Amino acid sequence: MRKPIGVFDSGVGGLTVVKELIRQLPSEDIVYFGDTARVPYGTKSKETVTKFSVENVEFLMKHNVKLVLVACNTASSLSLDFLKRCFRVPIIGVIAPGAKNAVNSTRNNRIGVVGTNATIISGAYEKAVKKISRRIAVYSQSCPLFVPLVEEGWTGERVTYEVASIYLKGLKSKGVDTLILGCTHYPLLKDVIKKFMGGKVSLIDSGGEVAKEAKSILDASGLLNENPGKKKHKFFVSDEPGTFIRLSERFLKREMKCVKRAA
């Protein structure tokens, strides 16, 4: 029986991971859940984020998924270990793959991290980087307004650049040559961030590395689907889907008639 990969995020940001899954695993079906009614997660407590994350995985399990990808950085940093203990399917997050990519990218051993308040306070990326190399200096900055700006579709407006410049000026002054986009919403602001940080700074998002990890796990467990067939991607949200559809169509460059409000 053909089983899909499950992905959840607090909103539209996880589509940056879905895009990589579609590119690297073109024969796989995907079930996506965006918790748009409760976005953002980054301002909430660990207990609340964990509660939401469990509910999200339970929803995906109803669709008989074979692997769950926690596309939300906040949920990955606060809830991943608990989720792995609660469910039998493989569950992977975005923190470790992003840290690995950043360590491989830096030339001057100065890495910056931007994320939600919860992700930055958790120190998850710094721990993951230090686990690989203790020589690397990690500088972190929370950017709580980035998620609502993306959810509003304000990915290129002047106000977004002004907000970004306030958040990022400290990291720029530290001379980081690599910047981890520690929230799956943030790659949608790549142009704005790159404009401020400059072309020599590498921007790291976890999408590509997470897709590689998912492929490796499925292959090792004999669950990789290599039969192209007709893909059945399904997208669910917890609130009215209008804004989600508009933003996802612009980002994925595809018609999104398959978006439904979760019951």
C-alpha atoms as a PDB file:
ATOM      1  CA  MET A   1       0.000   0.000   0.000  1.00  0.00           C
ATOM      2  CA  ARG A   2       1.312   3.419  -0.992  1.00  0.00           C
ATOM      3  CA  LYS A   3       1.847   5.597   2.095  1.00  0.00           C
ATOM      4  CA  PRO A   4       2.583   9.358   2.130  1.00  0.00           C
ATOM      5  CA  ILE A   5       5.152  11.458   3.955  1.00  0.00           C
ATOM      6  CA  GLY A   6       3.590  13.689   6.615  1.00  0.00           C
ATOM      7  CA  VAL A   7       4.757  17.281   7.163  1.00  0.00           C
ATOM      8  CA  PHE A   8       3.527  19.846   9.658  1.00  0.00           C
ATOM      9  CA  ASP A   9       4.324  23.485  10.354  1.00  0.00           C
ATOM     10  CA  SER A  10       2.711  26.362  12.212  1.00  0.00           C
ATOM     11  CA  GLY A  11       1.626  27.880   8.892  1.00  0.00           C
ATOM     12  CA  VAL A  12       2.832  28.380   5.337  1.00  0.00           C
ATOM     13  CA  GLY A  13       6.582  28.259   6.079  1.00  0.00           C
ATOM     14  CA  GLY A  14       6.853  24.483   5.920  1.00  0.00           C
ATOM     15  CA  LEU A  15       6.194  24.661   2.192  1.00  0.00           C
ATOM     16  CA  THR A  16       9.892  25.537   1.835  1.00  0.00           C
ATOM     17  CA  VAL A  17      10.548  21.962   2.981  1.00  0.00           C
ATOM     18  CA  VAL A  18       7.753  20.517   0.837  1.00  0.00           C
ATOM     19  CA  LYS A  19       9.314  22.133  -2.226  1.00  0.00           C
ATOM     20  CA  GLU A  20      12.560  20.247  -1.553  1.00  0.00           C
ATOM     21  CA  LEU A  21      10.720  16.986  -0.878  1.00  0.00           C
ATOM     22  CA  ILE A  22       8.956  17.277  -4.224  1.00  0.00           C
ATOM     23  CA  ARG A  23      12.271  17.989  -5.941  1.00  0.00           C
ATOM     24  CA  GLN A  24      14.316  15.231  -4.299  1.00  0.00           C
ATOM     25  CA  LEU A  25      11.612  12.586  -3.847  1.00  0.00           C
ATOM     26  CA  PRO A  26       9.427  13.099  -6.922  1.00  0.00           C
ATOM     27  CA  SER A  27       7.638   9.754  -6.563  1.00  0.00           C
ATOM     28  CA  GLU A  28       6.423  10.343  -3.001  1.00  0.00           C
ATOM     29  CA  ASP A  29       2.978  11.473  -1.888  1.00  0.00           C
ATOM     30  CA  ILE A  30       2.824  14.235   0.756  1.00  0.00           C
ATOM     31  CA  VAL A  31       0.246  15.174   3.379  1.00  0.00           C
ATOM     32  CA  TYR A  32       0.861  18.666   4.758  1.00  0.00           C
ATOM     33  CA  PHE A  33      -0.758  20.289   7.780  1.00  0.00           C
ATOM     34  CA  GLY A  34      -0.361  24.009   8.442  1.00  0.00           C
ATOM     35  CA  ASP A  35      -1.643  25.098  11.848  1.00  0.00           C
ATOM     36  CA  THR A  36      -2.687  28.518  10.588  1.00  0.00           C
ATOM     37  CA  ALA A  37      -5.248  29.041  13.349  1.00  0.00           C
ATOM     38  CA  ARG A  38      -2.518  28.981  16.015  1.00  0.00           C
ATOM     39  CA  VAL A  39       0.444  30.550  14.211  1.00  0.00           C
ATOM     40  CA  PRO A  40       2.979  31.712  15.404  1.00  0.00           C
ATOM     41  CA  TYR A  41       4.427  28.989  17.630  1.00  0.00           C
ATOM     42  CA  GLY A  42       7.543  30.975  18.516  1.00  0.00           C
ATOM     43  CA  THR A  43       5.837  33.110  21.159  1.00  0.00           C
ATOM     44  CA  LYS A  44       4.326  30.156  23.020  1.00  0.00           C
ATOM     45  CA  SER A  45       5.579  27.978  25.888  1.00  0.00           C
ATOM     46  CA  LYS A  46       7.260  24.607  25.482  1.00  0.00           C
ATOM     47  CA  GLU A  47       4.215  22.890  26.977  1.00  0.00           C
ATOM     48  CA  THR A  48       1.853  24.574  24.534  1.00  0.00           C
ATOM     49  CA  VAL A  49       4.042  23.922  21.493  1.00  0.00           C
ATOM     50  CA  THR A  50       4.409  20.275  22.510  1.00  0.00           C
ATOM     51  CA  LYS A  51       0.633  19.926  22.929  1.00  0.00           C
ATOM     52  CA  PHE A  52       0.055  21.426  19.473  1.00  0.00           C
ATOM     53  CA  SER A  53       2.773  19.238  17.954  1.00  0.00           C
ATOM     54  CA  VAL A  54       1.260  16.037  19.349  1.00  0.00           C
ATOM     55  CA  GLU A  55      -2.126  17.026  17.954  1.00  0.00           C
ATOM     56  CA  ASN A  56      -0.551  17.751  14.573  1.00  0.00           C
ATOM     57  CA  VAL A  57       1.145  14.356  14.399  1.00  0.00           C
ATOM     58  CA  GLU A  58      -2.085  12.654  15.467  1.00  0.00           C
ATOM     59  CA  PHE A  59      -3.813  14.364  12.548  1.00  0.00           C
ATOM     60  CA  LEU A  60      -1.146  13.180  10.108  1.00  0.00           C
ATOM     61  CA  MET A  61      -1.322   9.641  11.484  1.00  0.00           C
ATOM     62  CA  LYS A  62      -4.983   9.520  10.463  1.00  0.00           C
ATOM     63  CA  HIS A  63      -3.666   9.716   6.897  1.00  0.00           C
ATOM     64  CA  ASN A  64      -1.475   6.648   7.421  1.00  0.00           C
ATOM     65  CA  VAL A  65       1.834   8.481   6.940  1.00  0.00           C
ATOM     66  CA  LYS A  66       5.068   6.479   6.941  1.00  0.00           C
ATOM     67  CA  LEU A  67       7.323   9.299   8.203  1.00  0.00           C
ATOM     68  CA  VAL A  68       6.683  12.646   9.864  1.00  0.00           C
ATOM     69  CA  LEU A  69       8.773  15.700   9.125  1.00  0.00           C
ATOM     70  CA  VAL A  70       8.532  18.474  11.708  1.00  0.00           C
ATOM     71  CA  ALA A  71       9.066  21.461   9.431  1.00  0.00           C
ATOM     72  CA  CYS A  72       8.575  23.968  12.241  1.00  0.00           C
ATOM     73  CA  ASN A  73      11.877  24.983  13.875  1.00  0.00           C
ATOM     74  CA  THR A  74      10.157  25.918  17.131  1.00  0.00           C
ATOM     75  CA  ALA A  75       8.466  22.516  17.361  1.00  0.00           C
ATOM     76  CA  SER A  76      11.718  20.795  16.361  1.00  0.00           C
ATOM     77  CA  SER A  77      13.675  22.580  19.101  1.00  0.00           C
ATOM     78  CA  LEU A  78      11.083  22.115  21.870  1.00  0.00           C
ATOM     79  CA  SER A  79       9.110  18.963  21.075  1.00  0.00           C
ATOM     80  CA  LEU A  80      11.025  16.593  18.789  1.00  0.00           C
ATOM     81  CA  ASP A  81      12.333  14.228  21.485  1.00  0.00           C
ATOM     82  CA  PHE A  82       8.886  13.933  23.059  1.00  0.00           C
ATOM     83  CA  LEU A  83       7.256  13.216  19.693  1.00  0.00           C
ATOM     84  CA  LYS A  84       9.783  10.473  18.967  1.00  0.00           C
ATOM     85  CA  ARG A  85       8.852   8.789  22.250  1.00  0.00           C
ATOM     86  CA  CYS A  86       5.117   9.061  21.587  1.00  0.00           C
ATOM     87  CA  PHE A  87       4.849   7.720  18.039  1.00  0.00           C
ATOM     88  CA  ARG A  88       6.200   4.661  16.250  1.00  0.00           C
ATOM     89  CA  VAL A  89       6.800   6.176  12.810  1.00  0.00           C
ATOM     90  CA  PRO A  90      10.164   7.865  12.108  1.00  0.00           C
ATOM     91  CA  ILE A  91      10.023  11.559  13.042  1.00  0.00           C
ATOM     92  CA  ILE A  92      12.689  14.020  11.938  1.00  0.00           C
ATOM     93  CA  GLY A  93      13.190  17.721  12.595  1.00  0.00           C
ATOM     94  CA  VAL A  94      15.013  20.563  10.897  1.00  0.00           C
ATOM     95  CA  ILE A  95      17.603  21.623  13.501  1.00  0.00           C
ATOM     96  CA  ALA A  96      20.406  19.060  13.046  1.00  0.00           C
ATOM     97  CA  PRO A  97      20.352  19.103   9.214  1.00  0.00           C
ATOM     98  CA  GLY A  98      20.491  22.909   9.165  1.00  0.00           C
ATOM     99  CA  ALA A  99      23.379  23.019  11.651  1.00  0.00           C
ATOM    100  CA  LYS A 100      25.344  20.453   9.632  1.00  0.00           C
ATOM    101  CA  ASN A 101      24.854  22.447   6.450  1.00  0.00           C
ATOM    102  CA  ALA A 102      26.009  25.651   8.159  1.00  0.00           C
ATOM    103  CA  VAL A 103      29.162  24.049   9.595  1.00  0.00           C
ATOM    104  CA  ASN A 104      30.067  22.764   6.132  1.00  0.00           C
ATOM    105  CA  SER A 105      29.460  26.216   4.666  1.00  0.00           C
ATOM    106  CA  THR A 106      31.314  28.600   7.011  1.00  0.00           C
ATOM    107  CA  ARG A 107      34.822  29.751   6.077  1.00  0.00           C
ATOM    108  CA  ASN A 108      35.598  32.002   9.051  1.00  0.00           C
ATOM    109  CA  ASN A 109      33.923  29.923  11.793  1.00  0.00           C
ATOM    110  CA  ARG A 110      31.370  32.632  12.531  1.00  0.00           C
ATOM    111  CA  ILE A 111      27.767  31.497  12.148  1.00  0.00           C
ATOM    112  CA  GLY A 112      24.643  33.539  12.771  1.00  0.00           C
ATOM    113  CA  VAL A 113      21.226  32.138  13.617  1.00  0.00           C
ATOM    114  CA  VAL A 114      17.872  33.868  13.232  1.00  0.00           C
ATOM    115  CA  GLY A 115      14.693  32.290  14.545  1.00  0.00           C
ATOM    116  CA  THR A 116      11.608  32.695  16.678  1.00  0.00           C
ATOM    117  CA  ASN A 117      11.906  33.665  20.337  1.00  0.00           C
ATOM    118  CA  ALA A 118      11.361  30.067  21.439  1.00  0.00           C
ATOM    119  CA  THR A 119      13.934  28.611  19.059  1.00  0.00           C
ATOM    120  CA  ILE A 120      16.598  31.145  20.015  1.00  0.00           C
ATOM    121  CA  ILE A 121      15.965  30.797  23.757  1.00  0.00           C
ATOM    122  CA  SER A 122      16.240  27.005  23.460  1.00  0.00           C
ATOM    123  CA  GLY A 123      19.783  27.319  22.075  1.00  0.00           C
ATOM    124  CA  ALA A 124      19.019  24.332  19.847  1.00  0.00           C
ATOM    125  CA  TYR A 125      21.085  25.493  16.882  1.00  0.00           C
ATOM    126  CA  GLU A 126      24.057  26.528  18.990  1.00  0.00           C
ATOM    127  CA  LYS A 127      24.057  23.108  20.690  1.00  0.00           C
ATOM    128  CA  ALA A 128      23.789  21.337  17.333  1.00  0.00           C
ATOM    129  CA  VAL A 129      26.658  23.370  15.840  1.00  0.00           C
ATOM    130  CA  LYS A 130      28.897  22.906  18.908  1.00  0.00           C
ATOM    131  CA  LYS A 131      28.232  19.175  18.779  1.00  0.00           C
ATOM    132  CA  ILE A 132      29.885  19.142  15.365  1.00  0.00           C
ATOM    133  CA  SER A 133      32.653  21.677  16.022  1.00  0.00           C
ATOM    134  CA  ARG A 134      33.462  23.590  19.206  1.00  0.00           C
ATOM    135  CA  ARG A 135      35.713  26.003  17.303  1.00  0.00           C
ATOM    136  CA  ILE A 136      32.784  27.774  15.704  1.00  0.00           C
ATOM    137  CA  ALA A 137      31.314  30.928  17.254  1.00  0.00           C
ATOM    138  CA  VAL A 138      27.522  31.119  17.068  1.00  0.00           C
ATOM    139  CA  TYR A 139      25.599  34.393  17.321  1.00  0.00           C
ATOM    140  CA  SER A 140      21.807  34.305  17.635  1.00  0.00           C
ATOM    141  CA  GLN A 141      19.017  36.793  17.057  1.00  0.00           C
ATOM    142  CA  SER A 142      15.268  36.331  17.480  1.00  0.00           C
ATOM    143  CA  CYS A 143      13.113  37.870  14.743  1.00  0.00           C
ATOM    144  CA  PRO A 144       9.504  37.529  15.967  1.00  0.00           C
ATOM    145  CA  LEU A 145       7.982  39.800  13.321  1.00  0.00           C
ATOM    146  CA  PHE A 146       9.274  37.731  10.389  1.00  0.00           C
ATOM    147  CA  VAL A 147       6.567  35.046  10.659  1.00  0.00           C
ATOM    148  CA  PRO A 148       3.558  37.403  10.637  1.00  0.00           C
ATOM    149  CA  LEU A 149       5.140  39.359   7.771  1.00  0.00           C
ATOM    150  CA  VAL A 150       5.396  36.157   5.725  1.00  0.00           C
ATOM    151  CA  GLU A 151       1.915  35.007   6.704  1.00  0.00           C
ATOM    152  CA  GLU A 152       0.619  38.377   5.449  1.00  0.00           C
ATOM    153  CA  GLY A 153       2.496  37.918   2.182  1.00  0.00           C
ATOM    154  CA  TRP A 154       4.732  40.944   2.857  1.00  0.00           C
ATOM    155  CA  THR A 155       7.896  39.299   1.558  1.00  0.00           C
ATOM    156  CA  GLY A 156       9.278  42.208  -0.441  1.00  0.00           C
ATOM    157  CA  GLU A 157       7.829  45.403   1.034  1.00  0.00           C
ATOM    158  CA  ARG A 158      10.001  48.257   2.305  1.00  0.00           C
ATOM    159  CA  VAL A 159       8.731  47.790   5.856  1.00  0.00           C
ATOM    160  CA  THR A 160       9.983  44.198   5.765  1.00  0.00           C
ATOM    161  CA  TYR A 161      13.469  45.382   4.779  1.00  0.00           C
ATOM    162  CA  GLU A 162      13.428  47.973   7.567  1.00  0.00           C
ATOM    163  CA  VAL A 163      12.435  45.332  10.144  1.00  0.00           C
ATOM    164  CA  ALA A 164      15.114  42.976   8.809  1.00  0.00           C
ATOM    165  CA  SER A 165      17.795  45.659   9.038  1.00  0.00           C
ATOM    166  CA  ILE A 166      16.989  46.258  12.732  1.00  0.00           C
ATOM    167  CA  TYR A 167      17.108  42.551  13.542  1.00  0.00           C
ATOM    168  CA  LEU A 168      20.195  41.727  11.484  1.00  0.00           C
ATOM    169  CA  LYS A 169      22.526  44.671  12.139  1.00  0.00           C
ATOM    170  CA  GLY A 170      24.088  42.992  15.196  1.00  0.00           C
ATOM    171  CA  LEU A 171      24.854  39.785  13.282  1.00  0.00           C
ATOM    172  CA  LYS A 172      26.304  41.777  10.413  1.00  0.00           C
ATOM    173  CA  SER A 173      28.608  43.637  12.811  1.00  0.00           C
ATOM    174  CA  LYS A 174      29.860  40.264  14.143  1.00  0.00           C
ATOM    175  CA  GLY A 175      31.149  39.410  10.673  1.00  0.00           C
ATOM    176  CA  VAL A 176      29.245  36.161  10.255  1.00  0.00           C
ATOM    177  CA  ASP A 177      29.778  34.576   6.854  1.00  0.00           C
ATOM    178  CA  THR A 178      26.976  32.046   7.260  1.00  0.00           C
ATOM    179  CA  LEU A 179      23.435  32.697   8.479  1.00  0.00           C
ATOM    180  CA  ILE A 180      21.048  29.913   9.465  1.00  0.00           C
ATOM    181  CA  LEU A 181      17.442  30.761   8.656  1.00  0.00           C
ATOM    182  CA  GLY A 182      16.126  29.031  11.765  1.00  0.00           C
ATOM    183  CA  CYS A 183      12.461  29.096  10.837  1.00  0.00           C
ATOM    184  CA  THR A 184      10.903  27.582   7.729  1.00  0.00           C
ATOM    185  CA  HIS A 185       9.071  30.863   7.088  1.00  0.00           C
ATOM    186  CA  TYR A 186      12.362  32.738   6.728  1.00  0.00           C
ATOM    187  CA  PRO A 187      13.493  31.361   3.325  1.00  0.00           C
ATOM    188  CA  LEU A 188      10.534  33.271   1.895  1.00  0.00           C
ATOM    189  CA  LEU A 189      12.422  36.415   2.986  1.00  0.00           C
ATOM    190  CA  LYS A 190      15.736  35.370   1.425  1.00  0.00           C
ATOM    191  CA  ASP A 191      15.863  38.290  -1.007  1.00  0.00           C
ATOM    192  CA  VAL A 192      15.342  40.840   1.773  1.00  0.00           C
ATOM    193  CA  ILE A 193      17.858  39.175   4.095  1.00  0.00           C
ATOM    194  CA  LYS A 194      20.458  38.785   1.355  1.00  0.00           C
ATOM    195  CA  LYS A 195      20.061  42.439   0.372  1.00  0.00           C
ATOM    196  CA  PHE A 196      20.948  43.554   3.894  1.00  0.00           C
ATOM    197  CA  MET A 197      23.590  40.959   4.772  1.00  0.00           C
ATOM    198  CA  GLY A 198      25.385  41.126   1.420  1.00  0.00           C
ATOM    199  CA  GLY A 199      26.146  38.589  -1.263  1.00  0.00           C
ATOM    200  CA  LYS A 200      29.141  37.039   0.540  1.00  0.00           C
ATOM    201  CA  VAL A 201      27.022  35.692   3.406  1.00  0.00           C
ATOM    202  CA  SER A 202      25.663  32.185   2.818  1.00  0.00           C
ATOM    203  CA  LEU A 203      22.025  31.753   3.797  1.00  0.00           C
ATOM    204  CA  ILE A 204      21.226  28.281   5.137  1.00  0.00           C
ATOM    205  CA  ASP A 205      17.776  26.746   5.238  1.00  0.00           C
ATOM    206  CA  SER A 206      17.157  23.169   6.240  1.00  0.00           C
ATOM    207  CA  GLY A 207      14.896  22.103   3.396  1.00  0.00           C
ATOM    208  CA  GLY A 208      17.483  20.428   1.199  1.00  0.00           C
ATOM    209  CA  GLU A 209      19.248  18.579   4.021  1.00  0.00           C
ATOM    210  CA  VAL A 210      15.978  17.443   5.611  1.00  0.00           C
ATOM    211  CA  ALA A 211      14.781  16.019   2.299  1.00  0.00           C
ATOM    212  CA  LYS A 212      18.064  14.095   2.005  1.00  0.00           C
ATOM    213  CA  GLU A 213      17.620  12.706   5.522  1.00  0.00           C
ATOM    214  CA  ALA A 214      14.027  11.660   4.791  1.00  0.00           C
ATOM    215  CA  LYS A 215      15.136   9.892   1.617  1.00  0.00           C
ATOM    216  CA  SER A 216      17.925   8.071   3.480  1.00  0.00           C
ATOM    217  CA  ILE A 217      15.588   6.879   6.265  1.00  0.00           C
ATOM    218  CA  LEU A 218      12.928   5.664   3.843  1.00  0.00           C
ATOM    219  CA  ASP A 219      15.504   3.915   1.680  1.00  0.00           C
ATOM    220  CA  ALA A 220      17.110   2.155   4.663  1.00  0.00           C
ATOM    221  CA  SER A 221      13.746   0.954   5.935  1.00  0.00           C
ATOM    222  CA  GLY A 222      12.512  -0.203   2.539  1.00  0.00           C
ATOM    223  CA  LEU A 223       9.742   2.405   2.464  1.00  0.00           C
ATOM    224  CA  LEU A 224      11.037   4.562  -0.407  1.00  0.00           C
ATOM    225  CA  ASN A 225       8.506   4.786  -3.200  1.00  0.00           C
ATOM    226  CA  GLU A 226      10.180   4.555  -6.606  1.00  0.00           C
ATOM    227  CA  ASN A 227       7.011   4.156  -8.655  1.00  0.00           C
ATOM    228  CA  PRO A 228       6.202   7.574 -10.152  1.00  0.00           C
ATOM    229  CA  GLY A 229       2.495   6.905 -10.566  1.00  0.00           C
ATOM    230  CA  LYS A 230       0.116   9.808  -9.979  1.00  0.00           C
ATOM    231  CA  LYS A 231       1.221  11.945  -7.046  1.00  0.00           C
ATOM    232  CA  LYS A 232      -1.424  12.655  -4.414  1.00  0.00           C
ATOM    233  CA  HIS A 233      -0.294  15.682  -2.455  1.00  0.00           C
ATOM    234  CA  LYS A 234      -2.822  16.868   0.116  1.00  0.00           C
ATOM    235  CA  PHE A 235      -2.678  20.142   2.035  1.00  0.00           C
ATOM    236  CA  PHE A 236      -4.686  20.911   5.173  1.00  0.00           C
ATOM    237  CA  VAL A 237      -4.903  24.030   7.346  1.00  0.00           C
ATOM    238  CA  SER A 238      -6.603  24.685  10.672  1.00  0.00           C
ATOM    239  CA  ASP A 239      -8.167  27.999   9.634  1.00  0.00           C
ATOM    240  CA  GLU A 240      -9.699  29.491   6.498  1.00  0.00           C
ATOM    241  CA  PRO A 241      -7.415  28.497   3.572  1.00  0.00           C
ATOM    242  CA  GLY A 242      -7.622  31.661   1.451  1.00  0.00           C
ATOM    243  CA  THR A 243      -4.331  33.319   2.461  1.00  0.00           C
ATOM    244  CA  PHE A 244      -2.522  29.970   2.591  1.00  0.00           C
ATOM    245  CA  ILE A 245      -3.630  29.163  -0.964  1.00  0.00           C
ATOM    246  CA  ARG A 246      -2.535  32.559  -2.274  1.00  0.00           C
ATOM    247  CA  LEU A 247       0.918  32.387  -0.682  1.00  0.00           C
ATOM    248  CA  SER A 248       1.529  28.731  -1.524  1.00  0.00           C
ATOM    249  CA  GLU A 249       0.578  29.211  -5.177  1.00  0.00           C
ATOM    250  CA  ARG A 250       3.042  32.080  -5.422  1.00  0.00           C
ATOM    251  CA  PHE A 251       5.814  30.053  -3.783  1.00  0.00           C
ATOM    252  CA  LEU A 252       5.261  26.571  -5.220  1.00  0.00           C
ATOM    253  CA  LYS A 253       4.231  27.893  -8.657  1.00  0.00           C
ATOM    254  CA  ARG A 254       1.315  25.483  -8.832  1.00  0.00           C
ATOM    255  CA  GLU A 255      -2.457  25.624  -8.502  1.00  0.00           C
ATOM    256  CA  MET A 256      -3.548  24.666  -4.997  1.00  0.00           C
ATOM    257  CA  LYS A 257      -7.102  23.409  -5.336  1.00  0.00           C
ATOM    258  CA  CYS A 258      -6.216  20.551  -2.980  1.00  0.00           C
ATOM    259  CA  VAL A 259      -6.090  22.730   0.175  1.00  0.00           C
ATOM    260  CA  LYS A 260      -8.765  21.868   2.732  1.00  0.00           C
ATOM    261  CA  ARG A 261      -9.646  23.068   6.188  1.00  0.00           C
ATOM    262  CA  ALA A 262      -8.975  20.254   8.647  1.00  0.00           C
ATOM    263  CA  ALA A 263     -12.059  18.929  10.403  1.00  0.00           C
END
